[in-house]
Amino acid sequence: MKIDIIKIGNSQGIRIPKTIMEQCGFSESVEIEIKDGNLVLKPAQIRVGWAESFKLMAAKGDDELLIDDTLPTEYDEEWE
């Protein structure tokens, strides 16, 4: 299949047909790399394995905050 390169602002891009998007499992983002002179697109694997890592951290008791993320404000006294 031949697809034309189009101008998008100061960049260039391609339009990927919906059927190809579905067949490849693409959604809102993709991984892109150059391999042997070819452009390779893969479905983005965002935060793969994070849930398991967090469960392991919690089981070890290693999931407490390192920095107190509460900042005092002038309104704190009103809510006492």
PDB file of N, CA and C in Angstrom:
ATOM      1  N   MET A   1       0.855  -1.175   0.000  1.00  0.00           N
ATOM      2  CA  MET A   1       0.000   0.000   0.000  1.00  0.00           C
ATOM      3  C   MET A   1       0.899   1.236   0.000  1.00  0.00           C
ATOM      4  N   LYS A   2       0.603   2.177  -0.830  1.00  0.00           N
ATOM      5  CA  LYS A   2       1.348   3.432  -0.892  1.00  0.00           C
ATOM      6  C   LYS A   2       0.525   4.508  -0.182  1.00  0.00           C
ATOM      7  N   ILE A   3       1.194   5.251   0.700  1.00  0.00           N
ATOM      8  CA  ILE A   3       0.541   6.351   1.414  1.00  0.00           C
ATOM      9  C   ILE A   3       1.386   7.601   1.205  1.00  0.00           C
ATOM     10  N   ASP A   4       0.743   8.700   0.856  1.00  0.00           N
ATOM     11  CA  ASP A   4       1.456   9.958   0.641  1.00  0.00           C
ATOM     12  C   ASP A   4       1.831  10.603   1.974  1.00  0.00           C
ATOM     13  N   ILE A   5       2.978  11.266   1.975  1.00  0.00           N
ATOM     14  CA  ILE A   5       3.413  12.043   3.130  1.00  0.00           C
ATOM     15  C   ILE A   5       2.755  13.415   3.017  1.00  0.00           C
ATOM     16  N   ILE A   6       2.169  13.883   4.121  1.00  0.00           N
ATOM     17  CA  ILE A   6       1.451  15.160   4.114  1.00  0.00           C
ATOM     18  C   ILE A   6       2.141  16.159   5.039  1.00  0.00           C
ATOM     19  N   LYS A   7       1.941  17.429   4.778  1.00  0.00           N
ATOM     20  CA  LYS A   7       2.497  18.489   5.613  1.00  0.00           C
ATOM     21  C   LYS A   7       1.549  18.732   6.789  1.00  0.00           C
ATOM     22  N   ILE A   8       2.138  18.782   7.993  1.00  0.00           N
ATOM     23  CA  ILE A   8       1.383  19.056   9.205  1.00  0.00           C
ATOM     24  C   ILE A   8       2.147  20.150   9.951  1.00  0.00           C
ATOM     25  N   GLY A   9       1.744  21.401   9.752  1.00  0.00           N
ATOM     26  CA  GLY A   9       2.492  22.510  10.337  1.00  0.00           C
ATOM     27  C   GLY A   9       3.893  22.549   9.749  1.00  0.00           C
ATOM     28  N   ASN A  10       4.910  22.571  10.621  1.00  0.00           N
ATOM     29  CA  ASN A  10       6.294  22.552  10.161  1.00  0.00           C
ATOM     30  C   ASN A  10       6.833  21.134  10.016  1.00  0.00           C
ATOM     31  N   SER A  11       5.996  20.142  10.285  1.00  0.00           N
ATOM     32  CA  SER A  11       6.408  18.743  10.219  1.00  0.00           C
ATOM     33  C   SER A  11       5.739  18.055   9.045  1.00  0.00           C
ATOM     34  N   GLN A  12       5.999  16.784   8.926  1.00  0.00           N
ATOM     35  CA  GLN A  12       5.340  15.962   7.922  1.00  0.00           C
ATOM     36  C   GLN A  12       4.854  14.693   8.586  1.00  0.00           C
ATOM     37  N   GLY A  13       3.846  14.074   8.002  1.00  0.00           N
ATOM     38  CA  GLY A  13       3.303  12.866   8.604  1.00  0.00           C
ATOM     39  C   GLY A  13       2.570  12.023   7.594  1.00  0.00           C
ATOM     40  N   ILE A  14       1.989  10.944   8.092  1.00  0.00           N
ATOM     41  CA  ILE A  14       1.169  10.075   7.262  1.00  0.00           C
ATOM     42  C   ILE A  14      -0.155   9.839   7.978  1.00  0.00           C
ATOM     43  N   ARG A  15      -1.162   9.501   7.199  1.00  0.00           N
ATOM     44  CA  ARG A  15      -2.452   9.102   7.768  1.00  0.00           C
ATOM     45  C   ARG A  15      -2.499   7.581   7.717  1.00  0.00           C
ATOM     46  N   ILE A  16      -2.766   6.982   8.865  1.00  0.00           N
ATOM     47  CA  ILE A  16      -2.845   5.528   8.921  1.00  0.00           C
ATOM     48  C   ILE A  16      -4.320   5.134   8.861  1.00  0.00           C
ATOM     49  N   PRO A  17      -4.701   4.344   7.863  1.00  0.00           N
ATOM     50  CA  PRO A  17      -6.109   3.942   7.745  1.00  0.00           C
ATOM     51  C   PRO A  17      -6.597   3.206   9.000  1.00  0.00           C
ATOM     52  N   LYS A  18      -7.881   3.372   9.298  1.00  0.00           N
ATOM     53  CA  LYS A  18      -8.487   2.797  10.499  1.00  0.00           C
ATOM     54  C   LYS A  18      -8.292   1.287  10.567  1.00  0.00           C
ATOM     55  N   THR A  19      -8.437   0.602   9.450  1.00  0.00           N
ATOM     56  CA  THR A  19      -8.299  -0.862   9.461  1.00  0.00           C
ATOM     57  C   THR A  19      -6.886  -1.282   9.859  1.00  0.00           C
ATOM     58  N   ILE A  20      -5.890  -0.535   9.422  1.00  0.00           N
ATOM     59  CA  ILE A  20      -4.509  -0.843   9.796  1.00  0.00           C
ATOM     60  C   ILE A  20      -4.293  -0.532  11.274  1.00  0.00           C
ATOM     61  N   MET A  21      -4.864   0.576  11.744  1.00  0.00           N
ATOM     62  CA  MET A  21      -4.767   0.921  13.164  1.00  0.00           C
ATOM     63  C   MET A  21      -5.312  -0.214  14.021  1.00  0.00           C
ATOM     64  N   GLU A  22      -6.467  -0.729  13.649  1.00  0.00           N
ATOM     65  CA  GLU A  22      -7.100  -1.802  14.410  1.00  0.00           C
ATOM     66  C   GLU A  22      -6.287  -3.087  14.342  1.00  0.00           C
ATOM     67  N   GLN A  23      -5.800  -3.451  13.151  1.00  0.00           N
ATOM     68  CA  GLN A  23      -5.026  -4.675  12.984  1.00  0.00           C
ATOM     69  C   GLN A  23      -3.729  -4.632  13.787  1.00  0.00           C
ATOM     70  N   CYS A  24      -3.131  -3.455  13.923  1.00  0.00           N
ATOM     71  CA  CYS A  24      -1.860  -3.305  14.645  1.00  0.00           C
ATOM     72  C   CYS A  24      -2.046  -3.076  16.136  1.00  0.00           C
ATOM     73  N   GLY A  25      -3.281  -2.810  16.561  1.00  0.00           N
ATOM     74  CA  GLY A  25      -3.541  -2.556  17.974  1.00  0.00           C
ATOM     75  C   GLY A  25      -3.127  -1.162  18.411  1.00  0.00           C
ATOM     76  N   PHE A  26      -3.071  -0.211  17.465  1.00  0.00           N
ATOM     77  CA  PHE A  26      -2.723   1.171  17.786  1.00  0.00           C
ATOM     78  C   PHE A  26      -3.930   1.869  18.388  1.00  0.00           C
ATOM     79  N   SER A  27      -3.671   2.741  19.387  1.00  0.00           N
ATOM     80  CA  SER A  27      -4.757   3.551  19.933  1.00  0.00           C
ATOM     81  C   SER A  27      -4.350   5.011  19.833  1.00  0.00           C
ATOM     82  N   GLU A  28      -3.968   5.635  20.936  1.00  0.00           N
ATOM     83  CA  GLU A  28      -3.644   7.060  20.907  1.00  0.00           C
ATOM     84  C   GLU A  28      -2.161   7.342  20.757  1.00  0.00           C
ATOM     85  N   SER A  29      -1.309   6.361  21.051  1.00  0.00           N
ATOM     86  CA  SER A  29       0.129   6.594  20.900  1.00  0.00           C
ATOM     87  C   SER A  29       0.814   5.310  20.454  1.00  0.00           C
ATOM     88  N   VAL A  30       1.979   5.475  19.837  1.00  0.00           N
ATOM     89  CA  VAL A  30       2.753   4.338  19.348  1.00  0.00           C
ATOM     90  C   VAL A  30       4.215   4.518  19.727  1.00  0.00           C
ATOM     91  N   GLU A  31       4.944   3.417  19.775  1.00  0.00           N
ATOM     92  CA  GLU A  31       6.395   3.439  19.912  1.00  0.00           C
ATOM     93  C   GLU A  31       6.953   3.534  18.490  1.00  0.00           C
ATOM     94  N   ILE A  32       7.972   4.375  18.286  1.00  0.00           N
ATOM     95  CA  ILE A  32       8.552   4.549  16.966  1.00  0.00           C
ATOM     96  C   ILE A  32      10.062   4.341  17.060  1.00  0.00           C
ATOM     97  N   GLU A  33      10.623   3.616  16.095  1.00  0.00           N
ATOM     98  CA  GLU A  33      12.069   3.410  16.062  1.00  0.00           C
ATOM     99  C   GLU A  33      12.519   3.186  14.619  1.00  0.00           C
ATOM    100  N   ILE A  34      13.801   3.343  14.414  1.00  0.00           N
ATOM    101  CA  ILE A  34      14.394   3.068  13.105  1.00  0.00           C
ATOM    102  C   ILE A  34      15.183   1.774  13.256  1.00  0.00           C
ATOM    103  N   LYS A  35      14.895   0.787  12.426  1.00  0.00           N
ATOM    104  CA  LYS A  35      15.573  -0.494  12.487  1.00  0.00           C
ATOM    105  C   LYS A  35      16.006  -0.877  11.079  1.00  0.00           C
ATOM    106  N   ASP A  36      17.294  -1.004  10.883  1.00  0.00           N
ATOM    107  CA  ASP A  36      17.853  -1.356   9.575  1.00  0.00           C
ATOM    108  C   ASP A  36      17.357  -0.419   8.475  1.00  0.00           C
ATOM    109  N   GLY A  37      17.280   0.870   8.789  1.00  0.00           N
ATOM    110  CA  GLY A  37      16.847   1.856   7.807  1.00  0.00           C
ATOM    111  C   GLY A  37      15.356   1.906   7.562  1.00  0.00           C
ATOM    112  N   ASN A  38      14.591   1.187   8.356  1.00  0.00           N
ATOM    113  CA  ASN A  38      13.134   1.176   8.220  1.00  0.00           C
ATOM    114  C   ASN A  38      12.492   1.825   9.442  1.00  0.00           C
ATOM    115  N   LEU A  39      11.395   2.507   9.203  1.00  0.00           N
ATOM    116  CA  LEU A  39      10.616   3.102  10.281  1.00  0.00           C
ATOM    117  C   LEU A  39       9.686   2.021  10.822  1.00  0.00           C
ATOM    118  N   VAL A  40       9.773   1.761  12.131  1.00  0.00           N
ATOM    119  CA  VAL A  40       8.965   0.711  12.753  1.00  0.00           C
ATOM    120  C   VAL A  40       8.053   1.346  13.793  1.00  0.00           C
ATOM    121  N   LEU A  41       6.757   1.073  13.679  1.00  0.00           N
ATOM    122  CA  LEU A  41       5.760   1.543  14.648  1.00  0.00           C
ATOM    123  C   LEU A  41       5.228   0.338  15.406  1.00  0.00           C
ATOM    124  N   LYS A  42       5.118   0.474  16.736  1.00  0.00           N
ATOM    125  CA  LYS A  42       4.560  -0.590  17.577  1.00  0.00           C
ATOM    126  C   LYS A  42       3.562   0.032  18.538  1.00  0.00           C
ATOM    127  N   PRO A  43       2.562  -0.732  18.966  1.00  0.00           N
ATOM    128  CA  PRO A  43       1.641  -0.192  19.970  1.00  0.00           C
ATOM    129  C   PRO A  43       2.420   0.236  21.208  1.00  0.00           C
ATOM    130  N   ALA A  44       2.087   1.394  21.746  1.00  0.00           N
ATOM    131  CA  ALA A  44       2.755   1.885  22.951  1.00  0.00           C
ATOM    132  C   ALA A  44       2.370   1.008  24.126  1.00  0.00           C
ATOM    133  N   GLN A  45       3.367   0.612  24.899  1.00  0.00           N
ATOM    134  CA  GLN A  45       3.121  -0.187  26.095  1.00  0.00           C
ATOM    135  C   GLN A  45       3.420   0.696  27.293  1.00  0.00           C
ATOM    136  N   ILE A  46       2.434   1.459  27.675  1.00  0.00           N
ATOM    137  CA  ILE A  46       2.591   2.438  28.739  1.00  0.00           C
ATOM    138  C   ILE A  46       2.508   1.748  30.087  1.00  0.00           C
ATOM    139  N   ARG A  47       3.541   1.945  30.885  1.00  0.00           N
ATOM    140  CA  ARG A  47       3.587   1.467  32.269  1.00  0.00           C
ATOM    141  C   ARG A  47       3.371  -0.036  32.391  1.00  0.00           C
ATOM    142  N   VAL A  48       3.918  -0.782  31.455  1.00  0.00           N
ATOM    143  CA  VAL A  48       3.791  -2.232  31.516  1.00  0.00           C
ATOM    144  C   VAL A  48       4.487  -2.740  32.773  1.00  0.00           C
ATOM    145  N   GLY A  49       3.795  -3.545  33.551  1.00  0.00           N
ATOM    146  CA  GLY A  49       4.371  -4.134  34.750  1.00  0.00           C
ATOM    147  C   GLY A  49       4.311  -3.263  35.995  1.00  0.00           C
ATOM    148  N   TRP A  50       3.827  -2.034  35.860  1.00  0.00           N
ATOM    149  CA  TRP A  50       3.799  -1.133  37.018  1.00  0.00           C
ATOM    150  C   TRP A  50       2.886  -1.658  38.117  1.00  0.00           C
ATOM    151  N   ALA A  51       1.720  -2.176  37.776  1.00  0.00           N
ATOM    152  CA  ALA A  51       0.764  -2.642  38.793  1.00  0.00           C
ATOM    153  C   ALA A  51       1.395  -3.739  39.645  1.00  0.00           C
ATOM    154  N   GLU A  52       2.075  -4.683  38.994  1.00  0.00           N
ATOM    155  CA  GLU A  52       2.723  -5.765  39.726  1.00  0.00           C
ATOM    156  C   GLU A  52       3.834  -5.225  40.624  1.00  0.00           C
ATOM    157  N   SER A  53       4.590  -4.260  40.112  1.00  0.00           N
ATOM    158  CA  SER A  53       5.681  -3.663  40.900  1.00  0.00           C
ATOM    159  C   SER A  53       5.134  -2.948  42.133  1.00  0.00           C
ATOM    160  N   PHE A  54       4.018  -2.231  41.975  1.00  0.00           N
ATOM    161  CA  PHE A  54       3.426  -1.529  43.111  1.00  0.00           C
ATOM    162  C   PHE A  54       2.918  -2.517  44.164  1.00  0.00           C
ATOM    163  N   LYS A  55       2.334  -3.631  43.712  1.00  0.00           N
ATOM    164  CA  LYS A  55       1.863  -4.642  44.667  1.00  0.00           C
ATOM    165  C   LYS A  55       3.033  -5.217  45.453  1.00  0.00           C
ATOM    166  N   LEU A  56       4.142  -5.472  44.783  1.00  0.00           N
ATOM    167  CA  LEU A  56       5.335  -6.008  45.440  1.00  0.00           C
ATOM    168  C   LEU A  56       5.897  -4.999  46.439  1.00  0.00           C
ATOM    169  N   MET A  57       5.927  -3.725  46.049  1.00  0.00           N
ATOM    170  CA  MET A  57       6.406  -2.677  46.952  1.00  0.00           C
ATOM    171  C   MET A  57       5.528  -2.612  48.204  1.00  0.00           C
ATOM    172  N   ALA A  58       4.212  -2.663  48.011  1.00  0.00           N
ATOM    173  CA  ALA A  58       3.289  -2.592  49.152  1.00  0.00           C
ATOM    174  C   ALA A  58       3.485  -3.795  50.072  1.00  0.00           C
ATOM    175  N   ALA A  59       3.685  -4.975  49.495  1.00  0.00           N
ATOM    176  CA  ALA A  59       3.886  -6.181  50.299  1.00  0.00           C
ATOM    177  C   ALA A  59       5.157  -6.076  51.137  1.00  0.00           C
ATOM    178  N   LYS A  60       6.171  -5.380  50.613  1.00  0.00           N
ATOM    179  CA  LYS A  60       7.430  -5.208  51.337  1.00  0.00           C
ATOM    180  C   LYS A  60       7.410  -3.991  52.263  1.00  0.00           C
ATOM    181  N   GLY A  61       6.315  -3.214  52.227  1.00  0.00           N
ATOM    182  CA  GLY A  61       6.225  -2.007  53.042  1.00  0.00           C
ATOM    183  C   GLY A  61       7.104  -0.886  52.514  1.00  0.00           C
ATOM    184  N   ASP A  62       7.406  -0.937  51.237  1.00  0.00           N
ATOM    185  CA  ASP A  62       8.303   0.039  50.618  1.00  0.00           C
ATOM    186  C   ASP A  62       7.529   1.047  49.765  1.00  0.00           C
ATOM    187  N   ASP A  63       6.301   1.358  50.151  1.00  0.00           N
ATOM    188  CA  ASP A  63       5.476   2.253  49.339  1.00  0.00           C
ATOM    189  C   ASP A  63       5.057   3.525  50.074  1.00  0.00           C
ATOM    190  N   GLU A  64       5.817   3.918  51.094  1.00  0.00           N
ATOM    191  CA  GLU A  64       5.460   5.145  51.806  1.00  0.00           C
ATOM    192  C   GLU A  64       6.038   6.359  51.089  1.00  0.00           C
ATOM    193  N   LEU A  65       5.400   7.505  51.300  1.00  0.00           N
ATOM    194  CA  LEU A  65       5.852   8.737  50.668  1.00  0.00           C
ATOM    195  C   LEU A  65       7.230   9.139  51.178  1.00  0.00           C
ATOM    196  N   LEU A  66       8.081   9.589  50.275  1.00  0.00           N
ATOM    197  CA  LEU A  66       9.414  10.050  50.654  1.00  0.00           C
ATOM    198  C   LEU A  66       9.413  11.527  51.010  1.00  0.00           C
ATOM    199  N   ILE A  67       8.449  12.255  50.454  1.00  0.00           N
ATOM    200  CA  ILE A  67       8.367  13.701  50.666  1.00  0.00           C
ATOM    201  C   ILE A  67       6.951  14.033  51.124  1.00  0.00           C
ATOM    202  N   ASP A  68       6.831  14.847  52.165  1.00  0.00           N
ATOM    203  CA  ASP A  68       5.520  15.303  52.598  1.00  0.00           C
ATOM    204  C   ASP A  68       4.963  16.217  51.505  1.00  0.00           C
ATOM    205  N   ASP A  69       3.892  15.796  50.883  1.00  0.00           N
ATOM    206  CA  ASP A  69       3.361  16.568  49.751  1.00  0.00           C
ATOM    207  C   ASP A  69       2.235  17.520  50.144  1.00  0.00           C
ATOM    208  N   THR A  70       2.093  17.799  51.426  1.00  0.00           N
ATOM    209  CA  THR A  70       1.102  18.780  51.864  1.00  0.00           C
ATOM    210  C   THR A  70       1.808  20.102  52.157  1.00  0.00           C
ATOM    211  N   LEU A  71       1.281  21.158  51.632  1.00  0.00           N
ATOM    212  CA  LEU A  71       1.845  22.485  51.850  1.00  0.00           C
ATOM    213  C   LEU A  71       0.861  23.323  52.653  1.00  0.00           C
ATOM    214  N   PRO A  72       1.327  23.947  53.725  1.00  0.00           N
ATOM    215  CA  PRO A  72       0.418  24.788  54.511  1.00  0.00           C
ATOM    216  C   PRO A  72       0.006  26.036  53.715  1.00  0.00           C
ATOM    217  N   THR A  73      -1.232  26.457  53.925  1.00  0.00           N
ATOM    218  CA  THR A  73      -1.730  27.675  53.276  1.00  0.00           C
ATOM    219  C   THR A  73      -2.384  28.557  54.326  1.00  0.00           C
ATOM    220  N   GLU A  74      -2.719  29.758  53.930  1.00  0.00           N
ATOM    221  CA  GLU A  74      -3.373  30.688  54.859  1.00  0.00           C
ATOM    222  C   GLU A  74      -4.770  30.210  55.249  1.00  0.00           C
ATOM    223  N   TYR A  75      -5.349  29.299  54.509  1.00  0.00           N
ATOM    224  CA  TYR A  75      -6.703  28.831  54.767  1.00  0.00           C
ATOM    225  C   TYR A  75      -6.757  27.672  55.749  1.00  0.00           C
ATOM    226  N   ASP A  76      -5.629  27.091  56.107  1.00  0.00           N
ATOM    227  CA  ASP A  76      -5.604  25.951  57.015  1.00  0.00           C
ATOM    228  C   ASP A  76      -6.239  26.262  58.360  1.00  0.00           C
ATOM    229  N   GLU A  77      -6.030  27.472  58.874  1.00  0.00           N
ATOM    230  CA  GLU A  77      -6.551  27.830  60.192  1.00  0.00           C
ATOM    231  C   GLU A  77      -8.082  27.881  60.196  1.00  0.00           C
ATOM    232  N   GLU A  78      -8.680  28.222  59.056  1.00  0.00           N
ATOM    233  CA  GLU A  78     -10.131  28.309  58.982  1.00  0.00           C
ATOM    234  C   GLU A  78     -10.803  26.958  59.158  1.00  0.00           C
ATOM    235  N   TRP A  79     -10.098  25.887  58.860  1.00  0.00           N
ATOM    236  CA  TRP A  79     -10.710  24.550  58.848  1.00  0.00           C
ATOM    237  C   TRP A  79     -10.458  23.774  60.124  1.00  0.00           C
ATOM    238  N   GLU A  80      -9.886  24.399  61.139  1.00  0.00           N
ATOM    239  CA  GLU A  80      -9.657  23.689  62.385  1.00  0.00           C
ATOM    240  C   GLU A  80     -10.921  23.514  63.181  1.00  0.00           C
TER     241      GLU A  80
END
